[in-house]
Amino acid sequence: EESGLAINTKIVMGIAVPIVLLLSALGVWHMRKMVAERDQ
């Protein structure tokens, strides 16, 4: 925005919340699965 690009930062952050949340949950689930397979 400071560089003159016409975007609404708050809207971008709002859209990014569910996306980041989903990716974080998938990442933790994937790591847990890998640890379980190694234990097995």
PDB file of all heavy atoms in Angstrom:
ATOM      1  N   GLU A   1       0.832  -1.200   0.000  1.00  0.00           N
ATOM      2  CA  GLU A   1       0.000   0.000   0.000  1.00  0.00           C
ATOM      3  C   GLU A   1       0.875   1.262   0.000  1.00  0.00           C
ATOM      4  O   GLU A   1       0.561   2.258  -0.689  1.00  0.00           O
ATOM      5  CB  GLU A   1      -0.919   0.019   1.235  1.00  0.00           C
ATOM      6  CG  GLU A   1      -2.110  -0.911   1.136  1.00  0.00           C
ATOM      7  CD  GLU A   1      -3.030  -0.776   2.330  1.00  0.00           C
ATOM      8  OE1 GLU A   1      -2.812   0.133   3.171  1.00  0.00           O
ATOM      9  OE2 GLU A   1      -3.971  -1.590   2.455  1.00  0.00           O
ATOM     10  N   GLU A   2       1.930   1.260   0.747  1.00  0.00           N
ATOM     11  CA  GLU A   2       2.821   2.406   0.812  1.00  0.00           C
ATOM     12  C   GLU A   2       3.507   2.651  -0.540  1.00  0.00           C
ATOM     13  O   GLU A   2       3.850   3.779  -0.899  1.00  0.00           O
ATOM     14  CB  GLU A   2       3.887   2.203   1.901  1.00  0.00           C
ATOM     15  CG  GLU A   2       3.363   2.270   3.314  1.00  0.00           C
ATOM     16  CD  GLU A   2       2.862   3.638   3.674  1.00  0.00           C
ATOM     17  OE1 GLU A   2       3.390   4.632   3.125  1.00  0.00           O
ATOM     18  OE2 GLU A   2       1.920   3.735   4.506  1.00  0.00           O
ATOM     19  N   SER A   3       3.679   1.562  -1.277  1.00  0.00           N
ATOM     20  CA  SER A   3       4.338   1.724  -2.581  1.00  0.00           C
ATOM     21  C   SER A   3       3.367   2.194  -3.658  1.00  0.00           C
ATOM     22  O   SER A   3       3.738   2.400  -4.812  1.00  0.00           O
ATOM     23  CB  SER A   3       4.975   0.401  -3.012  1.00  0.00           C
ATOM     24  OG  SER A   3       3.973  -0.582  -3.195  1.00  0.00           O
ATOM     25  N   GLY A   4       2.081   2.395  -3.309  1.00  0.00           N
ATOM     26  CA  GLY A   4       1.113   2.937  -4.258  1.00  0.00           C
ATOM     27  C   GLY A   4       0.202   1.906  -4.875  1.00  0.00           C
ATOM     28  O   GLY A   4      -0.622   2.249  -5.715  1.00  0.00           O
ATOM     29  N   LEU A   5       0.343   0.633  -4.430  1.00  0.00           N
ATOM     30  CA  LEU A   5      -0.518  -0.423  -4.998  1.00  0.00           C
ATOM     31  C   LEU A   5      -1.883  -0.328  -4.325  1.00  0.00           C
ATOM     32  O   LEU A   5      -1.979  -0.221  -3.092  1.00  0.00           O
ATOM     33  CB  LEU A   5       0.098  -1.796  -4.767  1.00  0.00           C
ATOM     34  CG  LEU A   5      -0.606  -2.957  -5.474  1.00  0.00           C
ATOM     35  CD1 LEU A   5      -0.536  -2.789  -7.008  1.00  0.00           C
ATOM     36  CD2 LEU A   5       0.043  -4.285  -5.067  1.00  0.00           C
ATOM     37  N   ALA A   6      -2.911  -0.393  -5.138  1.00  0.00           N
ATOM     38  CA  ALA A   6      -4.266  -0.212  -4.611  1.00  0.00           C
ATOM     39  C   ALA A   6      -4.799  -1.544  -4.084  1.00  0.00           C
ATOM     40  O   ALA A   6      -5.420  -2.318  -4.816  1.00  0.00           O
ATOM     41  CB  ALA A   6      -5.175   0.358  -5.690  1.00  0.00           C
ATOM     42  N   ILE A   7      -4.516  -1.877  -2.822  1.00  0.00           N
ATOM     43  CA  ILE A   7      -5.053  -3.090  -2.184  1.00  0.00           C
ATOM     44  C   ILE A   7      -5.534  -2.721  -0.789  1.00  0.00           C
ATOM     45  O   ILE A   7      -5.080  -1.748  -0.194  1.00  0.00           O
ATOM     46  CB  ILE A   7      -4.006  -4.207  -2.086  1.00  0.00           C
ATOM     47  CG1 ILE A   7      -2.806  -3.735  -1.252  1.00  0.00           C
ATOM     48  CG2 ILE A   7      -3.580  -4.721  -3.445  1.00  0.00           C
ATOM     49  CD1 ILE A   7      -1.795  -4.838  -0.967  1.00  0.00           C
ATOM     50  N   ASN A   8      -6.443  -3.527  -0.278  1.00  0.00           N
ATOM     51  CA  ASN A   8      -6.936  -3.357   1.089  1.00  0.00           C
ATOM     52  C   ASN A   8      -6.289  -4.426   1.970  1.00  0.00           C
ATOM     53  O   ASN A   8      -6.621  -5.615   1.890  1.00  0.00           O
ATOM     54  CB  ASN A   8      -8.458  -3.482   1.132  1.00  0.00           C
ATOM     55  CG  ASN A   8      -9.018  -3.050   2.485  1.00  0.00           C
ATOM     56  OD1 ASN A   8      -8.336  -3.110   3.509  1.00  0.00           O
ATOM     57  ND2 ASN A   8     -10.258  -2.605   2.471  1.00  0.00           N
ATOM     58  N   THR A   9      -5.343  -3.970   2.742  1.00  0.00           N
ATOM     59  CA  THR A   9      -4.543  -4.937   3.542  1.00  0.00           C
ATOM     60  C   THR A   9      -5.407  -5.707   4.521  1.00  0.00           C
ATOM     61  O   THR A   9      -5.211  -6.911   4.734  1.00  0.00           O
ATOM     62  CB  THR A   9      -3.422  -4.191   4.304  1.00  0.00           C
ATOM     63  OG1 THR A   9      -2.618  -3.487   3.351  1.00  0.00           O
ATOM     64  CG2 THR A   9      -2.580  -5.144   5.100  1.00  0.00           C
ATOM     65  N   LYS A  10      -6.375  -5.096   5.134  1.00  0.00           N
ATOM     66  CA  LYS A  10      -7.214  -5.791   6.111  1.00  0.00           C
ATOM     67  C   LYS A  10      -8.016  -6.897   5.455  1.00  0.00           C
ATOM     68  O   LYS A  10      -8.221  -7.969   6.039  1.00  0.00           O
ATOM     69  CB  LYS A  10      -8.148  -4.789   6.786  1.00  0.00           C
ATOM     70  CG  LYS A  10      -7.413  -3.790   7.662  1.00  0.00           C
ATOM     71  CD  LYS A  10      -8.389  -2.841   8.339  1.00  0.00           C
ATOM     72  CE  LYS A  10      -7.650  -1.843   9.252  1.00  0.00           C
ATOM     73  NZ  LYS A  10      -8.568  -0.926   9.941  1.00  0.00           N
ATOM     74  N   ILE A  11      -8.515  -6.624   4.222  1.00  0.00           N
ATOM     75  CA  ILE A  11      -9.265  -7.683   3.521  1.00  0.00           C
ATOM     76  C   ILE A  11      -8.342  -8.844   3.176  1.00  0.00           C
ATOM     77  O   ILE A  11      -8.691 -10.019   3.317  1.00  0.00           O
ATOM     78  CB  ILE A  11      -9.914  -7.107   2.247  1.00  0.00           C
ATOM     79  CG1 ILE A  11     -10.982  -6.061   2.614  1.00  0.00           C
ATOM     80  CG2 ILE A  11     -10.534  -8.207   1.408  1.00  0.00           C
ATOM     81  CD1 ILE A  11     -11.591  -5.343   1.439  1.00  0.00           C
ATOM     82  N   VAL A  12      -7.109  -8.513   2.752  1.00  0.00           N
ATOM     83  CA  VAL A  12      -6.135  -9.570   2.428  1.00  0.00           C
ATOM     84  C   VAL A  12      -5.830 -10.410   3.654  1.00  0.00           C
ATOM     85  O   VAL A  12      -5.754 -11.632   3.580  1.00  0.00           O
ATOM     86  CB  VAL A  12      -4.849  -8.950   1.845  1.00  0.00           C
ATOM     87  CG1 VAL A  12      -3.782  -9.987   1.680  1.00  0.00           C
ATOM     88  CG2 VAL A  12      -5.147  -8.260   0.518  1.00  0.00           C
ATOM     89  N   MET A  13      -5.667  -9.759   4.809  1.00  0.00           N
ATOM     90  CA  MET A  13      -5.365 -10.512   6.029  1.00  0.00           C
ATOM     91  C   MET A  13      -6.543 -11.382   6.433  1.00  0.00           C
ATOM     92  O   MET A  13      -6.354 -12.522   6.882  1.00  0.00           O
ATOM     93  CB  MET A  13      -5.022  -9.540   7.160  1.00  0.00           C
ATOM     94  CG  MET A  13      -3.704  -8.801   6.946  1.00  0.00           C
ATOM     95  SD  MET A  13      -3.373  -7.564   8.256  1.00  0.00           S
ATOM     96  CE  MET A  13      -3.187  -8.638   9.670  1.00  0.00           C
ATOM     97  N   GLY A  14      -7.759 -10.858   6.205  1.00  0.00           N
ATOM     98  CA  GLY A  14      -8.935 -11.661   6.547  1.00  0.00           C
ATOM     99  C   GLY A  14      -9.039 -12.894   5.667  1.00  0.00           C
ATOM    100  O   GLY A  14      -9.410 -13.978   6.119  1.00  0.00           O
ATOM    101  N   ILE A  15      -8.750 -12.701   4.367  1.00  0.00           N
ATOM    102  CA  ILE A  15      -8.794 -13.860   3.456  1.00  0.00           C
ATOM    103  C   ILE A  15      -7.679 -14.844   3.800  1.00  0.00           C
ATOM    104  O   ILE A  15      -7.831 -16.070   3.689  1.00  0.00           O
ATOM    105  CB  ILE A  15      -8.681 -13.367   2.001  1.00  0.00           C
ATOM    106  CG1 ILE A  15      -9.902 -12.496   1.629  1.00  0.00           C
ATOM    107  CG2 ILE A  15      -8.542 -14.543   1.046  1.00  0.00           C
ATOM    108  CD1 ILE A  15      -9.780 -11.814   0.279  1.00  0.00           C
ATOM    109  N   ALA A  16      -6.517 -14.352   4.249  1.00  0.00           N
ATOM    110  CA  ALA A  16      -5.374 -15.227   4.513  1.00  0.00           C
ATOM    111  C   ALA A  16      -5.584 -16.089   5.756  1.00  0.00           C
ATOM    112  O   ALA A  16      -4.982 -17.172   5.883  1.00  0.00           O
ATOM    113  CB  ALA A  16      -4.110 -14.388   4.677  1.00  0.00           C
ATOM    114  N   VAL A  17      -6.436 -15.637   6.694  1.00  0.00           N
ATOM    115  CA  VAL A  17      -6.605 -16.398   7.968  1.00  0.00           C
ATOM    116  C   VAL A  17      -7.064 -17.832   7.727  1.00  0.00           C
ATOM    117  O   VAL A  17      -6.435 -18.785   8.190  1.00  0.00           O
ATOM    118  CB  VAL A  17      -7.548 -15.639   8.911  1.00  0.00           C
ATOM    119  CG1 VAL A  17      -7.945 -16.518  10.083  1.00  0.00           C
ATOM    120  CG2 VAL A  17      -6.892 -14.362   9.402  1.00  0.00           C
ATOM    121  N   PRO A  18      -8.177 -18.101   7.033  1.00  0.00           N
ATOM    122  CA  PRO A  18      -8.593 -19.503   6.869  1.00  0.00           C
ATOM    123  C   PRO A  18      -7.602 -20.310   6.033  1.00  0.00           C
ATOM    124  O   PRO A  18      -7.420 -21.515   6.260  1.00  0.00           O
ATOM    125  CB  PRO A  18      -9.949 -19.373   6.191  1.00  0.00           C
ATOM    126  CG  PRO A  18      -9.948 -18.037   5.545  1.00  0.00           C
ATOM    127  CD  PRO A  18      -9.129 -17.154   6.424  1.00  0.00           C
ATOM    128  N   ILE A  19      -6.976 -19.638   5.056  1.00  0.00           N
ATOM    129  CA  ILE A  19      -6.028 -20.381   4.218  1.00  0.00           C
ATOM    130  C   ILE A  19      -4.819 -20.827   5.034  1.00  0.00           C
ATOM    131  O   ILE A  19      -4.399 -21.987   5.002  1.00  0.00           O
ATOM    132  CB  ILE A  19      -5.596 -19.505   3.027  1.00  0.00           C
ATOM    133  CG1 ILE A  19      -6.806 -19.146   2.150  1.00  0.00           C
ATOM    134  CG2 ILE A  19      -4.518 -20.194   2.221  1.00  0.00           C
ATOM    135  CD1 ILE A  19      -6.497 -18.153   1.037  1.00  0.00           C
ATOM    136  N   VAL A  20      -4.277 -19.876   5.813  1.00  0.00           N
ATOM    137  CA  VAL A  20      -3.097 -20.227   6.639  1.00  0.00           C
ATOM    138  C   VAL A  20      -3.478 -21.252   7.709  1.00  0.00           C
ATOM    139  O   VAL A  20      -2.716 -22.191   8.008  1.00  0.00           O
ATOM    140  CB  VAL A  20      -2.513 -18.953   7.272  1.00  0.00           C
ATOM    141  CG1 VAL A  20      -1.408 -19.312   8.272  1.00  0.00           C
ATOM    142  CG2 VAL A  20      -1.975 -18.032   6.204  1.00  0.00           C
ATOM    143  N   LEU A  21      -4.668 -21.099   8.271  1.00  0.00           N
ATOM    144  CA  LEU A  21      -5.122 -22.039   9.295  1.00  0.00           C
ATOM    145  C   LEU A  21      -5.227 -23.456   8.747  1.00  0.00           C
ATOM    146  O   LEU A  21      -4.785 -24.442   9.369  1.00  0.00           O
ATOM    147  CB  LEU A  21      -6.465 -21.578   9.866  1.00  0.00           C
ATOM    148  CG  LEU A  21      -7.063 -22.413  10.992  1.00  0.00           C
ATOM    149  CD1 LEU A  21      -6.169 -22.347  12.219  1.00  0.00           C
ATOM    150  CD2 LEU A  21      -8.471 -21.912  11.359  1.00  0.00           C
ATOM    151  N   LEU A  22      -5.788 -23.563   7.544  1.00  0.00           N
ATOM    152  CA  LEU A  22      -5.928 -24.884   6.923  1.00  0.00           C
ATOM    153  C   LEU A  22      -4.561 -25.477   6.599  1.00  0.00           C
ATOM    154  O   LEU A  22      -4.307 -26.670   6.858  1.00  0.00           O
ATOM    155  CB  LEU A  22      -6.781 -24.749   5.652  1.00  0.00           C
ATOM    156  CG  LEU A  22      -6.990 -26.049   4.857  1.00  0.00           C
ATOM    157  CD1 LEU A  22      -7.702 -27.089   5.709  1.00  0.00           C
ATOM    158  CD2 LEU A  22      -7.772 -25.761   3.574  1.00  0.00           C
ATOM    159  N   LEU A  23      -3.675 -24.665   6.037  1.00  0.00           N
ATOM    160  CA  LEU A  23      -2.345 -25.179   5.703  1.00  0.00           C
ATOM    161  C   LEU A  23      -1.569 -25.609   6.953  1.00  0.00           C
ATOM    162  O   LEU A  23      -0.862 -26.625   6.957  1.00  0.00           O
ATOM    163  CB  LEU A  23      -1.566 -24.113   4.934  1.00  0.00           C
ATOM    164  CG  LEU A  23      -2.094 -23.780   3.532  1.00  0.00           C
ATOM    165  CD1 LEU A  23      -1.308 -22.610   2.918  1.00  0.00           C
ATOM    166  CD2 LEU A  23      -2.014 -25.003   2.627  1.00  0.00           C
ATOM    167  N   SER A  24      -1.705 -24.818   8.017  1.00  0.00           N
ATOM    168  CA  SER A  24      -1.014 -25.178   9.266  1.00  0.00           C
ATOM    169  C   SER A  24      -1.545 -26.495   9.822  1.00  0.00           C
ATOM    170  O   SER A  24      -0.777 -27.369  10.274  1.00  0.00           O
ATOM    171  CB  SER A  24      -1.193 -24.070  10.303  1.00  0.00           C
ATOM    172  OG  SER A  24      -0.635 -22.861   9.843  1.00  0.00           O
ATOM    173  N   ALA A  25      -2.878 -26.668   9.802  1.00  0.00           N
ATOM    174  CA  ALA A  25      -3.466 -27.910  10.305  1.00  0.00           C
ATOM    175  C   ALA A  25      -3.018 -29.093   9.458  1.00  0.00           C
ATOM    176  O   ALA A  25      -2.696 -30.175   9.987  1.00  0.00           O
ATOM    177  CB  ALA A  25      -4.989 -27.790  10.315  1.00  0.00           C
ATOM    178  N   LEU A  26      -2.995 -28.931   8.121  1.00  0.00           N
ATOM    179  CA  LEU A  26      -2.536 -30.012   7.255  1.00  0.00           C
ATOM    180  C   LEU A  26      -1.069 -30.360   7.529  1.00  0.00           C
ATOM    181  O   LEU A  26      -0.663 -31.531   7.516  1.00  0.00           O
ATOM    182  CB  LEU A  26      -2.738 -29.616   5.787  1.00  0.00           C
ATOM    183  CG  LEU A  26      -4.192 -29.573   5.295  1.00  0.00           C
ATOM    184  CD1 LEU A  26      -4.249 -29.046   3.854  1.00  0.00           C
ATOM    185  CD2 LEU A  26      -4.814 -30.962   5.370  1.00  0.00           C
ATOM    186  N   GLY A  27      -0.258 -29.346   7.768  1.00  0.00           N
ATOM    187  CA  GLY A  27       1.158 -29.593   8.047  1.00  0.00           C
ATOM    188  C   GLY A  27       1.372 -30.376   9.339  1.00  0.00           C
ATOM    189  O   GLY A  27       2.163 -31.325   9.400  1.00  0.00           O
ATOM    190  N   VAL A  28       0.648 -29.957  10.386  1.00  0.00           N
ATOM    191  CA  VAL A  28       0.780 -30.689  11.675  1.00  0.00           C
ATOM    192  C   VAL A  28       0.275 -32.104  11.533  1.00  0.00           C
ATOM    193  O   VAL A  28       0.867 -33.062  12.066  1.00  0.00           O
ATOM    194  CB  VAL A  28       0.014 -29.917  12.770  1.00  0.00           C
ATOM    195  CG1 VAL A  28      -0.055 -30.748  14.049  1.00  0.00           C
ATOM    196  CG2 VAL A  28       0.678 -28.578  13.049  1.00  0.00           C
ATOM    197  N   TRP A  29      -0.845 -32.298  10.826  1.00  0.00           N
ATOM    198  CA  TRP A  29      -1.399 -33.652  10.630  1.00  0.00           C
ATOM    199  C   TRP A  29      -0.418 -34.524   9.862  1.00  0.00           C
ATOM    200  O   TRP A  29      -0.234 -35.699  10.186  1.00  0.00           O
ATOM    201  CB  TRP A  29      -2.724 -33.531   9.880  1.00  0.00           C
ATOM    202  CG  TRP A  29      -3.299 -34.869   9.488  1.00  0.00           C
ATOM    203  CD1 TRP A  29      -4.002 -35.723  10.276  1.00  0.00           C
ATOM    204  CD2 TRP A  29      -3.178 -35.505   8.208  1.00  0.00           C
ATOM    205  NE1 TRP A  29      -4.332 -36.854   9.590  1.00  0.00           N
ATOM    206  CE2 TRP A  29      -3.845 -36.752   8.302  1.00  0.00           C
ATOM    207  CE3 TRP A  29      -2.579 -35.130   6.999  1.00  0.00           C
ATOM    208  CZ2 TRP A  29      -3.922 -37.632   7.225  1.00  0.00           C
ATOM    209  CZ3 TRP A  29      -2.672 -36.019   5.938  1.00  0.00           C
ATOM    210  CH2 TRP A  29      -3.324 -37.245   6.045  1.00  0.00           C
ATOM    211  N   HIS A  30       0.227 -33.935   8.824  1.00  0.00           N
ATOM    212  CA  HIS A  30       1.191 -34.697   8.034  1.00  0.00           C
ATOM    213  C   HIS A  30       2.402 -35.100   8.885  1.00  0.00           C
ATOM    214  O   HIS A  30       2.895 -36.232   8.786  1.00  0.00           O
ATOM    215  CB  HIS A  30       1.641 -33.849   6.827  1.00  0.00           C
ATOM    216  CG  HIS A  30       2.620 -34.558   5.938  1.00  0.00           C
ATOM    217  ND1 HIS A  30       2.283 -35.660   5.175  1.00  0.00           N
ATOM    218  CD2 HIS A  30       3.948 -34.310   5.692  1.00  0.00           C
ATOM    219  CE1 HIS A  30       3.339 -36.081   4.501  1.00  0.00           C
ATOM    220  NE2 HIS A  30       4.370 -35.272   4.802  1.00  0.00           N
ATOM    221  N   MET A  31       2.876 -34.198   9.712  1.00  0.00           N
ATOM    222  CA  MET A  31       4.018 -34.521  10.577  1.00  0.00           C
ATOM    223  C   MET A  31       3.653 -35.625  11.581  1.00  0.00           C
ATOM    224  O   MET A  31       4.443 -36.554  11.843  1.00  0.00           O
ATOM    225  CB  MET A  31       4.476 -33.269  11.333  1.00  0.00           C
ATOM    226  CG  MET A  31       5.126 -32.210  10.434  1.00  0.00           C
ATOM    227  SD  MET A  31       5.624 -30.749  11.371  1.00  0.00           S
ATOM    228  CE  MET A  31       6.842 -31.485  12.464  1.00  0.00           C
ATOM    229  N   ARG A  32       2.450 -35.546  12.162  1.00  0.00           N
ATOM    230  CA  ARG A  32       2.018 -36.585  13.087  1.00  0.00           C
ATOM    231  C   ARG A  32       1.937 -37.941  12.392  1.00  0.00           C
ATOM    232  O   ARG A  32       2.309 -38.976  12.959  1.00  0.00           O
ATOM    233  CB  ARG A  32       0.664 -36.211  13.679  1.00  0.00           C
ATOM    234  CG  ARG A  32       0.195 -37.164  14.779  1.00  0.00           C
ATOM    235  CD  ARG A  32      -1.251 -36.947  15.121  1.00  0.00           C
ATOM    236  NE  ARG A  32      -1.470 -35.582  15.588  1.00  0.00           N
ATOM    237  CZ  ARG A  32      -2.688 -35.085  15.792  1.00  0.00           C
ATOM    238  NH1 ARG A  32      -3.758 -35.829  15.509  1.00  0.00           N
ATOM    239  NH2 ARG A  32      -2.827 -33.861  16.214  1.00  0.00           N
ATOM    240  N   LYS A  33       1.471 -37.968  11.165  1.00  0.00           N
ATOM    241  CA  LYS A  33       1.349 -39.215  10.411  1.00  0.00           C
ATOM    242  C   LYS A  33       2.723 -39.806  10.137  1.00  0.00           C
ATOM    243  O   LYS A  33       2.943 -41.027  10.253  1.00  0.00           O
ATOM    244  CB  LYS A  33       0.610 -38.946   9.098  1.00  0.00           C
ATOM    245  CG  LYS A  33       0.406 -40.201   8.261  1.00  0.00           C
ATOM    246  CD  LYS A  33      -0.358 -39.868   6.966  1.00  0.00           C
ATOM    247  CE  LYS A  33      -0.523 -41.117   6.114  1.00  0.00           C
ATOM    248  NZ  LYS A  33      -1.213 -40.818   4.830  1.00  0.00           N
ATOM    249  N   MET A  34       3.685 -38.964   9.794  1.00  0.00           N
ATOM    250  CA  MET A  34       5.037 -39.455   9.526  1.00  0.00           C
ATOM    251  C   MET A  34       5.664 -40.066  10.788  1.00  0.00           C
ATOM    252  O   MET A  34       6.301 -41.126  10.744  1.00  0.00           O
ATOM    253  CB  MET A  34       5.909 -38.307   9.007  1.00  0.00           C
ATOM    254  CG  MET A  34       5.559 -37.833   7.601  1.00  0.00           C
ATOM    255  SD  MET A  34       6.605 -36.448   7.081  1.00  0.00           S
ATOM    256  CE  MET A  34       8.225 -37.211   7.176  1.00  0.00           C
ATOM    257  N   VAL A  35       5.468 -39.389  11.917  1.00  0.00           N
ATOM    258  CA  VAL A  35       6.009 -39.917  13.177  1.00  0.00           C
ATOM    259  C   VAL A  35       5.364 -41.256  13.523  1.00  0.00           C
ATOM    260  O   VAL A  35       6.025 -42.199  13.969  1.00  0.00           O
ATOM    261  CB  VAL A  35       5.812 -38.887  14.305  1.00  0.00           C
ATOM    262  CG1 VAL A  35       6.171 -39.496  15.654  1.00  0.00           C
ATOM    263  CG2 VAL A  35       6.646 -37.646  14.050  1.00  0.00           C
ATOM    264  N   ALA A  36       4.042 -41.390  13.319  1.00  0.00           N
ATOM    265  CA  ALA A  36       3.343 -42.638  13.622  1.00  0.00           C
ATOM    266  C   ALA A  36       3.848 -43.773  12.740  1.00  0.00           C
ATOM    267  O   ALA A  36       4.040 -44.921  13.198  1.00  0.00           O
ATOM    268  CB  ALA A  36       1.839 -42.450  13.459  1.00  0.00           C
ATOM    269  N   GLU A  37       4.078 -43.491  11.436  1.00  0.00           N
ATOM    270  CA  GLU A  37       4.580 -44.528  10.527  1.00  0.00           C
ATOM    271  C   GLU A  37       5.982 -44.983  10.928  1.00  0.00           C
ATOM    272  O   GLU A  37       6.310 -46.181  10.875  1.00  0.00           O
ATOM    273  CB  GLU A  37       4.572 -43.984   9.100  1.00  0.00           C
ATOM    274  CG  GLU A  37       3.176 -43.814   8.522  1.00  0.00           C
ATOM    275  CD  GLU A  37       3.208 -43.201   7.125  1.00  0.00           C
ATOM    276  OE1 GLU A  37       4.310 -42.773   6.708  1.00  0.00           O
ATOM    277  OE2 GLU A  37       2.146 -43.161   6.480  1.00  0.00           O
ATOM    278  N   ARG A  38       6.828 -44.060  11.348  1.00  0.00           N
ATOM    279  CA  ARG A  38       8.180 -44.434  11.781  1.00  0.00           C
ATOM    280  C   ARG A  38       8.143 -45.280  13.056  1.00  0.00           C
ATOM    281  O   ARG A  38       8.900 -46.248  13.193  1.00  0.00           O
ATOM    282  CB  ARG A  38       9.002 -43.174  11.997  1.00  0.00           C
ATOM    283  CG  ARG A  38       9.359 -42.456  10.703  1.00  0.00           C
ATOM    284  CD  ARG A  38      10.217 -41.229  10.983  1.00  0.00           C
ATOM    285  NE  ARG A  38      10.546 -40.539   9.747  1.00  0.00           N
ATOM    286  CZ  ARG A  38      11.268 -39.420   9.697  1.00  0.00           C
ATOM    287  NH1 ARG A  38      11.708 -38.872  10.842  1.00  0.00           N
ATOM    288  NH2 ARG A  38      11.530 -38.844   8.538  1.00  0.00           N
ATOM    289  N   ASP A  39       7.242 -44.936  13.983  1.00  0.00           N
ATOM    290  CA  ASP A  39       7.108 -45.732  15.201  1.00  0.00           C
ATOM    291  C   ASP A  39       6.649 -47.154  14.884  1.00  0.00           C
ATOM    292  O   ASP A  39       7.125 -48.136  15.473  1.00  0.00           O
ATOM    293  CB  ASP A  39       6.115 -45.076  16.164  1.00  0.00           C
ATOM    294  CG  ASP A  39       6.694 -43.822  16.802  1.00  0.00           C
ATOM    295  OD1 ASP A  39       7.934 -43.681  16.769  1.00  0.00           O
ATOM    296  OD2 ASP A  39       5.909 -43.011  17.326  1.00  0.00           O
ATOM    297  N   GLN A  40       5.718 -47.257  13.908  1.00  0.00           N
ATOM    298  CA  GLN A  40       5.225 -48.569  13.525  1.00  0.00           C
ATOM    299  C   GLN A  40       6.320 -49.408  12.889  1.00  0.00           C
ATOM    300  O   GLN A  40       6.492 -50.595  13.186  1.00  0.00           O
ATOM    301  CB  GLN A  40       4.034 -48.427  12.587  1.00  0.00           C
ATOM    302  CG  GLN A  40       3.403 -49.774  12.197  1.00  0.00           C
ATOM    303  CD  GLN A  40       2.195 -49.570  11.291  1.00  0.00           C
ATOM    304  OE1 GLN A  40       1.852 -48.441  10.948  1.00  0.00           O
ATOM    305  NE2 GLN A  40       1.559 -50.678  10.922  1.00  0.00           N
TER     306      GLN A  40
END
